[in-house]
Amino acid sequence: MAKTLIFVGIVFILIGICFQVFGKIPGVGRLPGDIFVKRDNFNFYFPLTTCILISTILSFIFFLWNQK
């Protein structure tokens, strides 16, 4: 449990550094399949494809992590 929390903490630190350096994570966001609705006084953005991509990557990382 402790190793997992340390790993997650390091991942959050790396994501935070990416946000500071790049302003956003390069290559993520506004992908085809993300839902964006723009009306007169209303904007709605739901990153569906981005969520699926991040979930797949994290699932693969945790799968490899548990194989040890």
Protein backbone atom coordinates (compact mmCIF):
# COMPACT_ATOMS: atom_id res chain seq x y z
CA MET A 1 0.00 0.00 0.00
CA ALA A 2 2.80 2.41 0.87
CA LYS A 3 4.59 1.82 -2.44
CA THR A 4 1.40 2.51 -4.35
CA LEU A 5 0.78 5.78 -2.50
CA ILE A 6 4.37 6.87 -3.13
CA PHE A 7 4.01 6.01 -6.83
CA VAL A 8 0.72 7.92 -7.12
CA GLY A 9 2.29 10.90 -5.35
CA ILE A 10 5.22 10.92 -7.77
CA VAL A 11 2.83 10.75 -10.72
CA PHE A 12 0.88 13.74 -9.36
CA ILE A 13 4.11 15.68 -8.90
CA LEU A 14 5.14 14.95 -12.50
CA ILE A 15 1.72 16.01 -13.80
CA GLY A 16 1.97 19.22 -11.77
CA ILE A 17 5.41 19.96 -13.23
CA CYS A 18 4.04 19.39 -16.74
CA PHE A 19 1.23 21.85 -16.04
CA GLN A 20 3.73 24.44 -14.82
CA VAL A 21 6.08 24.02 -17.78
CA PHE A 22 3.67 23.45 -20.66
CA GLY A 23 0.43 24.97 -19.38
CA LYS A 24 -1.26 21.65 -20.17
CA ILE A 25 -0.16 18.10 -20.75
CA PRO A 26 1.15 17.90 -24.32
CA GLY A 27 -0.98 15.82 -26.67
CA VAL A 28 -3.91 15.54 -24.27
CA GLY A 29 -7.10 17.53 -24.56
CA ARG A 30 -9.30 18.49 -27.48
CA LEU A 31 -9.00 15.06 -29.03
CA PRO A 32 -11.46 13.86 -31.66
CA GLY A 33 -14.40 12.43 -29.75
CA ASP A 34 -14.29 14.98 -26.93
CA ILE A 35 -17.67 16.66 -26.52
CA PHE A 36 -17.73 20.45 -26.82
CA VAL A 37 -21.00 22.39 -26.96
CA LYS A 38 -20.91 26.16 -27.43
CA ARG A 39 -24.11 28.17 -27.20
CA ASP A 40 -24.77 31.87 -26.69
CA ASN A 41 -24.05 32.08 -22.95
CA PHE A 42 -23.09 28.49 -22.32
CA ASN A 43 -19.97 26.38 -22.92
CA PHE A 44 -19.82 22.68 -22.08
CA TYR A 45 -16.71 20.57 -22.52
CA PHE A 46 -16.53 16.88 -21.63
CA PRO A 47 -13.25 15.17 -22.57
CA LEU A 48 -14.71 11.72 -23.30
CA THR A 49 -11.88 10.46 -25.50
CA THR A 50 -9.25 11.98 -23.22
CA CYS A 51 -10.79 10.20 -20.21
CA ILE A 52 -10.82 6.87 -22.05
CA LEU A 53 -7.19 7.35 -23.14
CA ILE A 54 -5.97 8.24 -19.64
CA SER A 55 -7.96 5.34 -18.15
CA THR A 56 -6.43 2.88 -20.61
CA ILE A 57 -2.90 4.11 -19.93
CA LEU A 58 -3.37 3.99 -16.15
CA SER A 59 -4.94 0.51 -16.35
CA PHE A 60 -1.94 -0.72 -18.33
CA ILE A 61 0.52 0.85 -15.87
CA PHE A 62 -1.26 -0.71 -12.87
CA PHE A 63 -1.45 -4.06 -14.68
CA LEU A 64 2.32 -3.99 -15.16
CA TRP A 65 2.80 -2.81 -11.58
CA ASN A 66 0.85 -5.82 -10.22
CA GLN A 67 2.74 -8.36 -12.38
CA LYS A 68 5.87 -8.04 -10.22
